[in-house]
Amino acid sequence: MKGKKVTMQYIADIVGVSKVTVFKALRNKDGVSPDLKRKIEKLASEYGYKVPNTNSEAENEEMLSKNIVIFCDNKYFDESDISCFYLSIYKKITKELIKKGCTATLYTIKKSQNYFSVVDILKSGQFDGVILLGSLDLSFIKLIEEMDIPKVFVDSHHTRSKSDCVVIENFYSTNKITQYLIDNGHKDIGFVGSVGVTYSITDRYLGYYKALIENNLSLNKEWIIEDRTENNDIIQMKLPKNLPTAFVCNCDDTACKMITLLQQNGINVPQDVSIVSFDNDVISKLCTPKLTTVDVNTDKMASKAVEIIIDRIKNPVIENPVLELIDGKIVYRDSVKKLI
């Protein structure tokens, strides 16, 4: 094997198994049959491959030129989408991967496409790890979850998932921004977002509802406004006959659309109705008035996602999946009127 550096991936390719299987065999982990384990150990011995220590120089060198694929819904990269939230996170993840000597490939997913063709690409061994960014079709997620490849979910979390996740802290952040409205005299407060469609909308709704309960305020179901279908496709929002004095919107894009809808009906923000939101996306500073919103630390999200995926490539066996929560902070702007 002169001139050829032997790695776990090289041995995996010869045997016709995944790198994770080789890792398990060489570290005497469960999940590999005795015959396969002996075969892998024999090849490793013949090629002079030694299992590196976790923090060894050899293992760090093995990270060079690792290929990571980033999956994201196609709609977030559509030219008609003026929100840049996921584009921003994608760019930051790519930058962090490059710093670590890895390469990043973006693969946008369209609903109803042939997901098995994507699975075939992953099975071909082109990629060493997967980052799933934002909400994706559940059937696609299930296929990826079943694959024996390091993976990290970013801004997406499923209760039954056994994979690592980096997510925004939605519940308490929305609770705080709802409390900000209450502290400014608002007692009639609605929520804009289709509850149950995504984990983040649901958590933000629960944070909003908690603030109402804590202040002995009633939940008016007429003020819960849907902004998307169960498939996460945007719909035209409808205003209730009687408006609250404020709305908590699940994201900046929805908030800006709500402001436009209100203005089209002769209702001014914040003079007539106050609006708060979530994300601190670029659109939050472009709409009129500028939004009071929860800022998301996308730099930290990106760095944590890369840190975890690299660790999983080095140490593929997941005993306890990581759930990393990224705190948000309120950015105060012009979309709230003080009533008291």
C-alpha atoms as a PDB file:
ATOM      1  CA  MET A   1       0.000   0.000   0.000  1.00  0.00           C
ATOM      2  CA  LYS A   2       2.816   2.390  -0.779  1.00  0.00           C
ATOM      3  CA  GLY A   3       1.677   5.943  -1.467  1.00  0.00           C
ATOM      4  CA  LYS A   4      -1.828   5.212  -0.286  1.00  0.00           C
ATOM      5  CA  LYS A   5      -3.031   6.433   3.098  1.00  0.00           C
ATOM      6  CA  VAL A   6      -5.235   3.810   4.686  1.00  0.00           C
ATOM      7  CA  THR A   7      -8.306   5.132   6.473  1.00  0.00           C
ATOM      8  CA  MET A   8     -11.448   3.594   7.964  1.00  0.00           C
ATOM      9  CA  GLN A   9     -13.315   4.698   4.828  1.00  0.00           C
ATOM     10  CA  TYR A  10     -10.789   2.892   2.625  1.00  0.00           C
ATOM     11  CA  ILE A  11     -11.286  -0.343   4.575  1.00  0.00           C
ATOM     12  CA  ALA A  12     -15.066   0.170   4.510  1.00  0.00           C
ATOM     13  CA  ASP A  13     -15.014   0.493   0.709  1.00  0.00           C
ATOM     14  CA  ILE A  14     -13.038  -2.755   0.330  1.00  0.00           C
ATOM     15  CA  VAL A  15     -15.347  -4.701   2.645  1.00  0.00           C
ATOM     16  CA  GLY A  16     -18.480  -3.091   1.235  1.00  0.00           C
ATOM     17  CA  VAL A  17     -19.783  -1.734   4.511  1.00  0.00           C
ATOM     18  CA  SER A  18     -20.164   1.703   6.070  1.00  0.00           C
ATOM     19  CA  LYS A  19     -17.424   3.563   7.877  1.00  0.00           C
ATOM     20  CA  VAL A  20     -19.540   3.328  11.027  1.00  0.00           C
ATOM     21  CA  THR A  21     -19.410  -0.482  10.817  1.00  0.00           C
ATOM     22  CA  VAL A  22     -15.614  -0.408  10.515  1.00  0.00           C
ATOM     23  CA  PHE A  23     -15.465   1.969  13.477  1.00  0.00           C
ATOM     24  CA  LYS A  24     -17.580  -0.386  15.583  1.00  0.00           C
ATOM     25  CA  ALA A  25     -15.535  -3.429  14.611  1.00  0.00           C
ATOM     26  CA  LEU A  26     -12.146  -1.867  15.352  1.00  0.00           C
ATOM     27  CA  ARG A  27     -13.315  -0.412  18.671  1.00  0.00           C
ATOM     28  CA  ASN A  28     -15.064  -3.627  19.708  1.00  0.00           C
ATOM     29  CA  LYS A  29     -18.535  -2.035  19.765  1.00  0.00           C
ATOM     30  CA  ASP A  30     -21.816  -3.936  19.541  1.00  0.00           C
ATOM     31  CA  GLY A  31     -23.636  -4.289  16.250  1.00  0.00           C
ATOM     32  CA  VAL A  32     -21.082  -6.162  14.122  1.00  0.00           C
ATOM     33  CA  SER A  33     -21.126  -9.937  13.622  1.00  0.00           C
ATOM     34  CA  PRO A  34     -18.043 -11.895  14.766  1.00  0.00           C
ATOM     35  CA  ASP A  35     -17.182 -12.989  11.210  1.00  0.00           C
ATOM     36  CA  LEU A  36     -17.389  -9.461   9.824  1.00  0.00           C
ATOM     37  CA  LYS A  37     -15.411  -8.119  12.771  1.00  0.00           C
ATOM     38  CA  ARG A  38     -12.600 -10.622  12.125  1.00  0.00           C
ATOM     39  CA  LYS A  39     -12.561  -9.755   8.426  1.00  0.00           C
ATOM     40  CA  ILE A  40     -12.268  -6.023   9.149  1.00  0.00           C
ATOM     41  CA  GLU A  41      -9.581  -6.564  11.789  1.00  0.00           C
ATOM     42  CA  LYS A  42      -7.601  -8.761   9.379  1.00  0.00           C
ATOM     43  CA  LEU A  43      -7.701  -6.131   6.632  1.00  0.00           C
ATOM     44  CA  ALA A  44      -6.714  -3.395   9.076  1.00  0.00           C
ATOM     45  CA  SER A  45      -3.756  -5.487  10.205  1.00  0.00           C
ATOM     46  CA  GLU A  46      -2.672  -6.308   6.636  1.00  0.00           C
ATOM     47  CA  TYR A  47      -2.765  -2.647   5.629  1.00  0.00           C
ATOM     48  CA  GLY A  48      -1.061  -1.487   8.820  1.00  0.00           C
ATOM     49  CA  TYR A  49      -4.024   0.591   9.940  1.00  0.00           C
ATOM     50  CA  LYS A  50      -4.011   1.521  13.616  1.00  0.00           C
ATOM     51  CA  VAL A  51      -7.079   2.880  15.398  1.00  0.00           C
ATOM     52  CA  PRO A  52      -6.225   6.486  16.360  1.00  0.00           C
ATOM     53  CA  ASN A  53      -6.956   8.007  19.740  1.00  0.00           C
ATOM     54  CA  THR A  54      -9.912  10.415  19.755  1.00  0.00           C
ATOM     55  CA  ASN A  55      -7.748  13.537  19.852  1.00  0.00           C
ATOM     56  CA  SER A  56      -4.752  12.220  17.955  1.00  0.00           C
ATOM     57  CA  GLU A  57      -3.074  14.009  15.107  1.00  0.00           C
ATOM     58  CA  ALA A  58      -3.811  11.084  12.818  1.00  0.00           C
ATOM     59  CA  GLU A  59      -7.543  11.403  13.411  1.00  0.00           C
ATOM     60  CA  ASN A  60      -7.461  15.148  12.829  1.00  0.00           C
ATOM     61  CA  GLU A  61      -5.716  14.574   9.513  1.00  0.00           C
ATOM     62  CA  GLU A  62      -8.413  12.082   8.592  1.00  0.00           C
ATOM     63  CA  MET A  63     -10.974  14.924   8.760  1.00  0.00           C
ATOM     64  CA  LEU A  64      -9.351  16.718   5.831  1.00  0.00           C
ATOM     65  CA  SER A  65     -11.438  16.707   2.657  1.00  0.00           C
ATOM     66  CA  LYS A  66     -14.506  15.193   4.308  1.00  0.00           C
ATOM     67  CA  ASN A  67     -17.577  15.891   2.238  1.00  0.00           C
ATOM     68  CA  ILE A  68     -20.737  17.097   3.989  1.00  0.00           C
ATOM     69  CA  VAL A  69     -24.080  17.389   2.209  1.00  0.00           C
ATOM     70  CA  ILE A  70     -26.568  19.989   3.443  1.00  0.00           C
ATOM     71  CA  PHE A  71     -30.233  19.285   2.702  1.00  0.00           C
ATOM     72  CA  CYS A  72     -32.773  22.122   2.748  1.00  0.00           C
ATOM     73  CA  ASP A  73     -36.247  22.652   1.322  1.00  0.00           C
ATOM     74  CA  ASN A  74     -36.087  24.137  -2.170  1.00  0.00           C
ATOM     75  CA  LYS A  75     -38.571  26.892  -1.303  1.00  0.00           C
ATOM     76  CA  TYR A  76     -36.064  28.608   1.011  1.00  0.00           C
ATOM     77  CA  PHE A  77     -33.773  29.193  -1.956  1.00  0.00           C
ATOM     78  CA  ASP A  78     -36.484  30.258  -4.395  1.00  0.00           C
ATOM     79  CA  GLU A  79     -35.999  33.716  -5.915  1.00  0.00           C
ATOM     80  CA  SER A  80     -39.520  34.699  -4.798  1.00  0.00           C
ATOM     81  CA  ASP A  81     -38.596  34.100  -1.150  1.00  0.00           C
ATOM     82  CA  ILE A  82     -37.332  37.402   0.254  1.00  0.00           C
ATOM     83  CA  SER A  83     -36.495  35.810   3.599  1.00  0.00           C
ATOM     84  CA  CYS A  84     -32.785  35.000   3.895  1.00  0.00           C
ATOM     85  CA  PHE A  85     -32.879  33.085   7.185  1.00  0.00           C
ATOM     86  CA  TYR A  86     -31.867  29.636   5.951  1.00  0.00           C
ATOM     87  CA  LEU A  87     -29.615  30.998   3.244  1.00  0.00           C
ATOM     88  CA  SER A  88     -27.730  32.850   5.971  1.00  0.00           C
ATOM     89  CA  ILE A  89     -27.352  29.738   8.139  1.00  0.00           C
ATOM     90  CA  TYR A  90     -26.265  27.675   5.134  1.00  0.00           C
ATOM     91  CA  LYS A  91     -23.515  30.169   4.274  1.00  0.00           C
ATOM     92  CA  LYS A  92     -22.294  30.193   7.877  1.00  0.00           C
ATOM     93  CA  ILE A  93     -22.259  26.385   8.086  1.00  0.00           C
ATOM     94  CA  THR A  94     -20.270  26.261   4.841  1.00  0.00           C
ATOM     95  CA  LYS A  95     -17.779  28.784   6.189  1.00  0.00           C
ATOM     96  CA  GLU A  96     -17.303  26.758   9.388  1.00  0.00           C
ATOM     97  CA  LEU A  97     -16.832  23.525   7.429  1.00  0.00           C
ATOM     98  CA  ILE A  98     -14.178  25.118   5.236  1.00  0.00           C
ATOM     99  CA  LYS A  99     -12.326  26.236   8.365  1.00  0.00           C
ATOM    100  CA  LYS A 100     -12.201  22.575   9.425  1.00  0.00           C
ATOM    101  CA  GLY A 101     -10.862  21.451   6.055  1.00  0.00           C
ATOM    102  CA  CYS A 102     -14.178  19.973   4.914  1.00  0.00           C
ATOM    103  CA  THR A 103     -16.256  20.644   1.804  1.00  0.00           C
ATOM    104  CA  ALA A 104     -19.982  21.421   1.713  1.00  0.00           C
ATOM    105  CA  THR A 105     -22.541  20.578  -0.957  1.00  0.00           C
ATOM    106  CA  LEU A 106     -26.047  22.057  -0.923  1.00  0.00           C
ATOM    107  CA  TYR A 107     -28.835  19.757  -2.082  1.00  0.00           C
ATOM    108  CA  THR A 108     -32.284  21.396  -2.199  1.00  0.00           C
ATOM    109  CA  ILE A 109     -35.232  19.063  -1.734  1.00  0.00           C
ATOM    110  CA  LYS A 110     -38.537  19.437  -3.547  1.00  0.00           C
ATOM    111  CA  LYS A 111     -41.713  17.855  -2.227  1.00  0.00           C
ATOM    112  CA  SER A 112     -42.872  14.762  -4.117  1.00  0.00           C
ATOM    113  CA  GLN A 113     -39.489  14.237  -5.799  1.00  0.00           C
ATOM    114  CA  ASN A 114     -37.929  10.767  -5.875  1.00  0.00           C
ATOM    115  CA  TYR A 115     -36.328  10.679  -2.432  1.00  0.00           C
ATOM    116  CA  PHE A 116     -34.815   7.260  -3.091  1.00  0.00           C
ATOM    117  CA  SER A 117     -32.512   8.807  -5.699  1.00  0.00           C
ATOM    118  CA  VAL A 118     -31.086  10.981  -2.905  1.00  0.00           C
ATOM    119  CA  VAL A 119     -30.658   7.927  -0.699  1.00  0.00           C
ATOM    120  CA  ASP A 120     -28.763   6.198  -3.524  1.00  0.00           C
ATOM    121  CA  ILE A 121     -26.348   9.143  -3.657  1.00  0.00           C
ATOM    122  CA  LEU A 122     -25.675   8.808   0.059  1.00  0.00           C
ATOM    123  CA  LYS A 123     -25.231   5.054  -0.236  1.00  0.00           C
ATOM    124  CA  SER A 124     -22.640   5.589  -2.963  1.00  0.00           C
ATOM    125  CA  GLY A 125     -20.254   6.945  -0.327  1.00  0.00           C
ATOM    126  CA  GLN A 126     -19.812  10.408  -1.859  1.00  0.00           C
ATOM    127  CA  PHE A 127     -20.581  12.074   1.473  1.00  0.00           C
ATOM    128  CA  ASP A 128     -19.241  11.492   4.968  1.00  0.00           C
ATOM    129  CA  GLY A 129     -21.976  13.339   6.848  1.00  0.00           C
ATOM    130  CA  VAL A 130     -25.388  14.972   6.490  1.00  0.00           C
ATOM    131  CA  ILE A 131     -26.758  18.255   7.829  1.00  0.00           C
ATOM    132  CA  LEU A 132     -30.534  18.673   7.533  1.00  0.00           C
ATOM    133  CA  LEU A 133     -31.442  22.361   7.629  1.00  0.00           C
ATOM    134  CA  GLY A 134     -34.955  23.530   8.516  1.00  0.00           C
ATOM    135  CA  SER A 135     -38.272  21.742   8.039  1.00  0.00           C
ATOM    136  CA  LEU A 136     -38.253  18.926   5.493  1.00  0.00           C
ATOM    137  CA  ASP A 137     -40.838  16.414   4.328  1.00  0.00           C
ATOM    138  CA  LEU A 138     -41.323  13.807   7.056  1.00  0.00           C
ATOM    139  CA  SER A 139     -41.068  10.901   4.592  1.00  0.00           C
ATOM    140  CA  PHE A 140     -37.662  12.201   3.471  1.00  0.00           C
ATOM    141  CA  ILE A 141     -36.525  12.601   7.080  1.00  0.00           C
ATOM    142  CA  LYS A 142     -37.515   9.006   7.870  1.00  0.00           C
ATOM    143  CA  LEU A 143     -35.406   7.702   4.986  1.00  0.00           C
ATOM    144  CA  ILE A 144     -32.358   9.661   6.138  1.00  0.00           C
ATOM    145  CA  GLU A 145     -32.896   8.654   9.781  1.00  0.00           C
ATOM    146  CA  GLU A 146     -32.693   4.995   8.780  1.00  0.00           C
ATOM    147  CA  MET A 147     -29.327   5.461   7.068  1.00  0.00           C
ATOM    148  CA  ASP A 148     -26.069   4.518   8.753  1.00  0.00           C
ATOM    149  CA  ILE A 149     -24.383   7.890   8.213  1.00  0.00           C
ATOM    150  CA  PRO A 150     -23.500  10.726  10.650  1.00  0.00           C
ATOM    151  CA  LYS A 151     -26.264  13.335  10.609  1.00  0.00           C
ATOM    152  CA  VAL A 152     -27.278  16.527  12.411  1.00  0.00           C
ATOM    153  CA  PHE A 153     -30.622  18.343  12.283  1.00  0.00           C
ATOM    154  CA  VAL A 154     -30.443  22.144  12.391  1.00  0.00           C
ATOM    155  CA  ASP A 155     -33.559  24.144  13.364  1.00  0.00           C
ATOM    156  CA  SER A 156     -35.592  20.971  13.156  1.00  0.00           C
ATOM    157  CA  HIS A 157     -36.436  18.474  15.859  1.00  0.00           C
ATOM    158  CA  HIS A 158     -38.692  15.462  16.159  1.00  0.00           C
ATOM    159  CA  THR A 159     -39.527  13.972  19.533  1.00  0.00           C
ATOM    160  CA  ARG A 160     -38.843  10.397  18.429  1.00  0.00           C
ATOM    161  CA  SER A 161     -35.615  11.254  16.620  1.00  0.00           C
ATOM    162  CA  LYS A 162     -32.433   9.488  17.716  1.00  0.00           C
ATOM    163  CA  SER A 163     -30.209  11.960  15.870  1.00  0.00           C
ATOM    164  CA  ASP A 164     -28.317  15.029  17.058  1.00  0.00           C
ATOM    165  CA  CYS A 165     -30.108  18.374  16.800  1.00  0.00           C
ATOM    166  CA  VAL A 166     -29.160  22.052  17.016  1.00  0.00           C
ATOM    167  CA  VAL A 167     -32.314  24.078  17.570  1.00  0.00           C
ATOM    168  CA  ILE A 168     -33.425  27.543  18.562  1.00  0.00           C
ATOM    169  CA  GLU A 169     -34.855  27.951  22.060  1.00  0.00           C
ATOM    170  CA  ASN A 170     -38.378  28.872  20.952  1.00  0.00           C
ATOM    171  CA  PHE A 171     -40.555  28.448  24.029  1.00  0.00           C
ATOM    172  CA  TYR A 172     -39.070  30.873  26.558  1.00  0.00           C
ATOM    173  CA  SER A 173     -38.025  33.407  23.908  1.00  0.00           C
ATOM    174  CA  THR A 174     -41.617  33.732  22.669  1.00  0.00           C
ATOM    175  CA  ASN A 175     -42.853  33.750  26.246  1.00  0.00           C
ATOM    176  CA  LYS A 176     -40.612  36.756  26.949  1.00  0.00           C
ATOM    177  CA  ILE A 177     -41.607  38.714  23.848  1.00  0.00           C
ATOM    178  CA  THR A 178     -45.298  38.097  24.622  1.00  0.00           C
ATOM    179  CA  GLN A 179     -44.670  39.332  28.156  1.00  0.00           C
ATOM    180  CA  TYR A 180     -43.134  42.460  26.623  1.00  0.00           C
ATOM    181  CA  LEU A 181     -46.478  43.181  24.935  1.00  0.00           C
ATOM    182  CA  ILE A 182     -48.308  42.606  28.213  1.00  0.00           C
ATOM    183  CA  ASP A 183     -45.912  44.911  30.075  1.00  0.00           C
ATOM    184  CA  ASN A 184     -46.791  47.580  27.504  1.00  0.00           C
ATOM    185  CA  GLY A 185     -50.489  47.323  28.357  1.00  0.00           C
ATOM    186  CA  HIS A 186     -51.707  44.776  25.793  1.00  0.00           C
ATOM    187  CA  LYS A 187     -54.301  42.322  27.081  1.00  0.00           C
ATOM    188  CA  ASP A 188     -55.907  41.241  23.807  1.00  0.00           C
ATOM    189  CA  ILE A 189     -53.123  39.377  22.011  1.00  0.00           C
ATOM    190  CA  GLY A 190     -53.372  36.990  19.054  1.00  0.00           C
ATOM    191  CA  PHE A 191     -50.942  34.510  17.519  1.00  0.00           C
ATOM    192  CA  VAL A 192     -50.116  34.181  13.817  1.00  0.00           C
ATOM    193  CA  GLY A 193     -48.895  30.750  12.751  1.00  0.00           C
ATOM    194  CA  SER A 194     -50.333  27.343  11.890  1.00  0.00           C
ATOM    195  CA  VAL A 195     -49.824  25.435  15.127  1.00  0.00           C
ATOM    196  CA  GLY A 196     -48.610  21.862  14.679  1.00  0.00           C
ATOM    197  CA  VAL A 197     -47.122  22.292  11.213  1.00  0.00           C
ATOM    198  CA  THR A 198     -43.557  22.656  12.484  1.00  0.00           C
ATOM    199  CA  TYR A 199     -42.013  22.028  15.873  1.00  0.00           C
ATOM    200  CA  SER A 200     -40.842  25.678  16.061  1.00  0.00           C
ATOM    201  CA  ILE A 201     -44.293  27.166  15.445  1.00  0.00           C
ATOM    202  CA  THR A 202     -45.770  24.835  18.059  1.00  0.00           C
ATOM    203  CA  ASP A 203     -43.144  25.735  20.659  1.00  0.00           C
ATOM    204  CA  ARG A 204     -43.557  29.454  19.963  1.00  0.00           C
ATOM    205  CA  TYR A 205     -47.312  29.154  20.308  1.00  0.00           C
ATOM    206  CA  LEU A 206     -46.889  27.372  23.657  1.00  0.00           C
ATOM    207  CA  GLY A 207     -44.553  30.116  24.869  1.00  0.00           C
ATOM    208  CA  TYR A 208     -47.152  32.716  23.869  1.00  0.00           C
ATOM    209  CA  TYR A 209     -49.937  30.751  25.572  1.00  0.00           C
ATOM    210  CA  LYS A 210     -47.895  30.376  28.759  1.00  0.00           C
ATOM    211  CA  ALA A 211     -47.572  34.176  28.977  1.00  0.00           C
ATOM    212  CA  LEU A 212     -51.360  34.531  28.696  1.00  0.00           C
ATOM    213  CA  ILE A 213     -51.914  31.972  31.459  1.00  0.00           C
ATOM    214  CA  GLU A 214     -49.330  33.596  33.737  1.00  0.00           C
ATOM    215  CA  ASN A 215     -51.136  36.936  33.411  1.00  0.00           C
ATOM    216  CA  ASN A 216     -54.688  35.564  33.701  1.00  0.00           C
ATOM    217  CA  LEU A 217     -55.483  36.536  30.109  1.00  0.00           C
ATOM    218  CA  SER A 218     -57.966  34.623  27.978  1.00  0.00           C
ATOM    219  CA  LEU A 219     -57.052  32.764  24.798  1.00  0.00           C
ATOM    220  CA  ASN A 220     -59.367  33.834  21.978  1.00  0.00           C
ATOM    221  CA  LYS A 221     -59.307  31.168  19.257  1.00  0.00           C
ATOM    222  CA  GLU A 222     -60.518  33.721  16.688  1.00  0.00           C
ATOM    223  CA  TRP A 223     -57.161  35.451  17.122  1.00  0.00           C
ATOM    224  CA  ILE A 224     -55.125  32.355  16.208  1.00  0.00           C
ATOM    225  CA  ILE A 225     -54.406  33.024  12.533  1.00  0.00           C
ATOM    226  CA  GLU A 226     -53.128  30.300  10.207  1.00  0.00           C
ATOM    227  CA  ASP A 227     -50.333  31.260   7.819  1.00  0.00           C
ATOM    228  CA  ARG A 228     -49.579  27.942   6.062  1.00  0.00           C
ATOM    229  CA  THR A 229     -51.000  24.545   5.138  1.00  0.00           C
ATOM    230  CA  GLU A 230     -50.213  21.299   6.921  1.00  0.00           C
ATOM    231  CA  ASN A 231     -47.582  20.749   4.209  1.00  0.00           C
ATOM    232  CA  ASN A 232     -45.896  24.008   5.214  1.00  0.00           C
ATOM    233  CA  ASP A 233     -46.975  25.873   2.074  1.00  0.00           C
ATOM    234  CA  ILE A 234     -47.746  29.578   2.583  1.00  0.00           C
ATOM    235  CA  ILE A 235     -51.414  30.643   2.373  1.00  0.00           C
ATOM    236  CA  GLN A 236     -53.239  33.968   2.329  1.00  0.00           C
ATOM    237  CA  MET A 237     -54.015  34.974   5.902  1.00  0.00           C
ATOM    238  CA  LYS A 238     -57.481  36.110   6.961  1.00  0.00           C
ATOM    239  CA  LEU A 239     -58.181  38.794   9.538  1.00  0.00           C
ATOM    240  CA  PRO A 240     -60.794  38.170  12.254  1.00  0.00           C
ATOM    241  CA  LYS A 241     -63.821  40.468  12.471  1.00  0.00           C
ATOM    242  CA  ASN A 242     -62.680  41.843  15.804  1.00  0.00           C
ATOM    243  CA  LEU A 243     -58.968  42.526  16.098  1.00  0.00           C
ATOM    244  CA  PRO A 244     -56.785  42.241  19.194  1.00  0.00           C
ATOM    245  CA  THR A 245     -54.436  45.111  20.065  1.00  0.00           C
ATOM    246  CA  ALA A 246     -51.388  42.971  19.262  1.00  0.00           C
ATOM    247  CA  PHE A 247     -50.204  39.846  17.427  1.00  0.00           C
ATOM    248  CA  VAL A 248     -47.279  37.532  18.141  1.00  0.00           C
ATOM    249  CA  CYS A 249     -46.104  36.239  14.758  1.00  0.00           C
ATOM    250  CA  ASN A 250     -44.199  32.967  14.447  1.00  0.00           C
ATOM    251  CA  CYS A 251     -41.550  34.447  12.098  1.00  0.00           C
ATOM    252  CA  ASP A 252     -40.514  37.710  10.453  1.00  0.00           C
ATOM    253  CA  ASP A 253     -41.761  36.729   6.999  1.00  0.00           C
ATOM    254  CA  THR A 254     -45.253  36.071   8.374  1.00  0.00           C
ATOM    255  CA  ALA A 255     -45.104  39.285  10.434  1.00  0.00           C
ATOM    256  CA  CYS A 256     -44.313  41.429   7.387  1.00  0.00           C
ATOM    257  CA  LYS A 257     -47.144  39.805   5.450  1.00  0.00           C
ATOM    258  CA  MET A 258     -49.490  40.461   8.368  1.00  0.00           C
ATOM    259  CA  ILE A 259     -48.465  44.131   8.435  1.00  0.00           C
ATOM    260  CA  THR A 260     -49.191  44.398   4.701  1.00  0.00           C
ATOM    261  CA  LEU A 261     -52.581  42.720   5.158  1.00  0.00           C
ATOM    262  CA  LEU A 262     -53.489  45.066   8.007  1.00  0.00           C
ATOM    263  CA  GLN A 263     -52.422  48.127   6.030  1.00  0.00           C
ATOM    264  CA  GLN A 264     -54.489  46.975   3.040  1.00  0.00           C
ATOM    265  CA  ASN A 265     -57.486  46.998   5.374  1.00  0.00           C
ATOM    266  CA  GLY A 266     -56.763  50.501   6.655  1.00  0.00           C
ATOM    267  CA  ILE A 267     -55.200  49.324   9.920  1.00  0.00           C
ATOM    268  CA  ASN A 268     -51.893  50.890  10.938  1.00  0.00           C
ATOM    269  CA  VAL A 269     -49.001  49.256  12.795  1.00  0.00           C
ATOM    270  CA  PRO A 270     -48.302  50.002  15.602  1.00  0.00           C
ATOM    271  CA  GLN A 271     -50.906  52.766  16.028  1.00  0.00           C
ATOM    272  CA  ASP A 272     -53.863  50.361  15.783  1.00  0.00           C
ATOM    273  CA  VAL A 273     -52.255  46.934  16.178  1.00  0.00           C
ATOM    274  CA  SER A 274     -48.803  46.055  17.524  1.00  0.00           C
ATOM    275  CA  ILE A 275     -46.697  43.258  16.037  1.00  0.00           C
ATOM    276  CA  VAL A 276     -43.818  41.191  17.453  1.00  0.00           C
ATOM    277  CA  SER A 277     -41.995  38.388  15.734  1.00  0.00           C
ATOM    278  CA  PHE A 278     -39.144  35.873  15.651  1.00  0.00           C
ATOM    279  CA  ASP A 279     -35.824  35.353  13.744  1.00  0.00           C
ATOM    280  CA  ASN A 280     -34.421  38.876  13.251  1.00  0.00           C
ATOM    281  CA  ASP A 281     -34.102  38.045   9.562  1.00  0.00           C
ATOM    282  CA  VAL A 282     -33.019  40.801   7.159  1.00  0.00           C
ATOM    283  CA  ILE A 283     -36.687  41.340   6.265  1.00  0.00           C
ATOM    284  CA  SER A 284     -37.392  42.489   9.848  1.00  0.00           C
ATOM    285  CA  LYS A 285     -35.453  45.698   9.111  1.00  0.00           C
ATOM    286  CA  LEU A 286     -36.872  46.203   5.619  1.00  0.00           C
ATOM    287  CA  CYS A 287     -40.597  46.212   6.405  1.00  0.00           C
ATOM    288  CA  THR A 288     -42.399  49.324   7.693  1.00  0.00           C
ATOM    289  CA  PRO A 289     -42.404  49.643  10.626  1.00  0.00           C
ATOM    290  CA  LYS A 290     -39.239  47.757  11.536  1.00  0.00           C
ATOM    291  CA  LEU A 291     -40.020  44.706  13.644  1.00  0.00           C
ATOM    292  CA  THR A 292     -39.494  44.059  17.310  1.00  0.00           C
ATOM    293  CA  THR A 293     -38.368  40.451  17.122  1.00  0.00           C
ATOM    294  CA  VAL A 294     -36.353  37.652  18.717  1.00  0.00           C
ATOM    295  CA  ASP A 295     -32.797  37.552  17.392  1.00  0.00           C
ATOM    296  CA  VAL A 296     -31.420  34.090  16.601  1.00  0.00           C
ATOM    297  CA  ASN A 297     -27.696  33.515  17.042  1.00  0.00           C
ATOM    298  CA  THR A 298     -27.131  31.884  13.650  1.00  0.00           C
ATOM    299  CA  ASP A 299     -23.342  32.059  14.072  1.00  0.00           C
ATOM    300  CA  LYS A 300     -23.579  29.821  17.129  1.00  0.00           C
ATOM    301  CA  MET A 301     -26.061  27.513  15.389  1.00  0.00           C
ATOM    302  CA  ALA A 302     -23.660  27.025  12.490  1.00  0.00           C
ATOM    303  CA  SER A 303     -20.570  26.459  14.618  1.00  0.00           C
ATOM    304  CA  LYS A 304     -22.371  23.971  16.890  1.00  0.00           C
ATOM    305  CA  ALA A 305     -23.759  22.038  13.915  1.00  0.00           C
ATOM    306  CA  VAL A 306     -20.290  21.709  12.390  1.00  0.00           C
ATOM    307  CA  GLU A 307     -18.744  20.805  15.744  1.00  0.00           C
ATOM    308  CA  ILE A 308     -21.275  17.991  16.211  1.00  0.00           C
ATOM    309  CA  ILE A 309     -21.105  16.566  12.668  1.00  0.00           C
ATOM    310  CA  ILE A 310     -17.309  16.425  12.809  1.00  0.00           C
ATOM    311  CA  ASP A 311     -17.432  14.711  16.192  1.00  0.00           C
ATOM    312  CA  ARG A 312     -19.918  12.167  14.812  1.00  0.00           C
ATOM    313  CA  ILE A 313     -17.709  11.437  11.811  1.00  0.00           C
ATOM    314  CA  LYS A 314     -14.832  10.743  14.194  1.00  0.00           C
ATOM    315  CA  ASN A 315     -17.022   8.873  16.692  1.00  0.00           C
ATOM    316  CA  PRO A 316     -20.061   7.515  14.806  1.00  0.00           C
ATOM    317  CA  VAL A 317     -21.670   5.524  17.606  1.00  0.00           C
ATOM    318  CA  ILE A 318     -24.456   7.570  19.231  1.00  0.00           C
ATOM    319  CA  GLU A 319     -25.158   6.589  22.807  1.00  0.00           C
ATOM    320  CA  ASN A 320     -26.887   9.822  23.832  1.00  0.00           C
ATOM    321  CA  PRO A 321     -28.032  12.154  21.012  1.00  0.00           C
ATOM    322  CA  VAL A 322     -27.153  15.820  21.492  1.00  0.00           C
ATOM    323  CA  LEU A 323     -29.952  18.397  21.716  1.00  0.00           C
ATOM    324  CA  GLU A 324     -28.249  21.793  21.603  1.00  0.00           C
ATOM    325  CA  LEU A 325     -30.515  24.762  22.410  1.00  0.00           C
ATOM    326  CA  ILE A 326     -29.479  28.190  21.082  1.00  0.00           C
ATOM    327  CA  ASP A 327     -30.848  31.090  23.147  1.00  0.00           C
ATOM    328  CA  GLY A 328     -32.505  34.101  21.536  1.00  0.00           C
ATOM    329  CA  LYS A 329     -32.703  37.739  22.622  1.00  0.00           C
ATOM    330  CA  ILE A 330     -35.261  40.436  21.930  1.00  0.00           C
ATOM    331  CA  VAL A 331     -34.386  43.240  19.508  1.00  0.00           C
ATOM    332  CA  TYR A 332     -36.601  46.270  20.204  1.00  0.00           C
ATOM    333  CA  ARG A 333     -37.701  48.334  17.205  1.00  0.00           C
ATOM    334  CA  ASP A 334     -40.790  50.222  16.063  1.00  0.00           C
ATOM    335  CA  SER A 335     -43.686  47.742  15.785  1.00  0.00           C
ATOM    336  CA  VAL A 336     -45.073  47.984  19.329  1.00  0.00           C
ATOM    337  CA  LYS A 337     -47.238  50.757  20.782  1.00  0.00           C
ATOM    338  CA  LYS A 338     -47.266  51.339  24.516  1.00  0.00           C
ATOM    339  CA  LEU A 339     -50.839  51.446  25.845  1.00  0.00           C
ATOM    340  CA  ILE A 340     -50.030  52.359  29.435  1.00  0.00           C
END
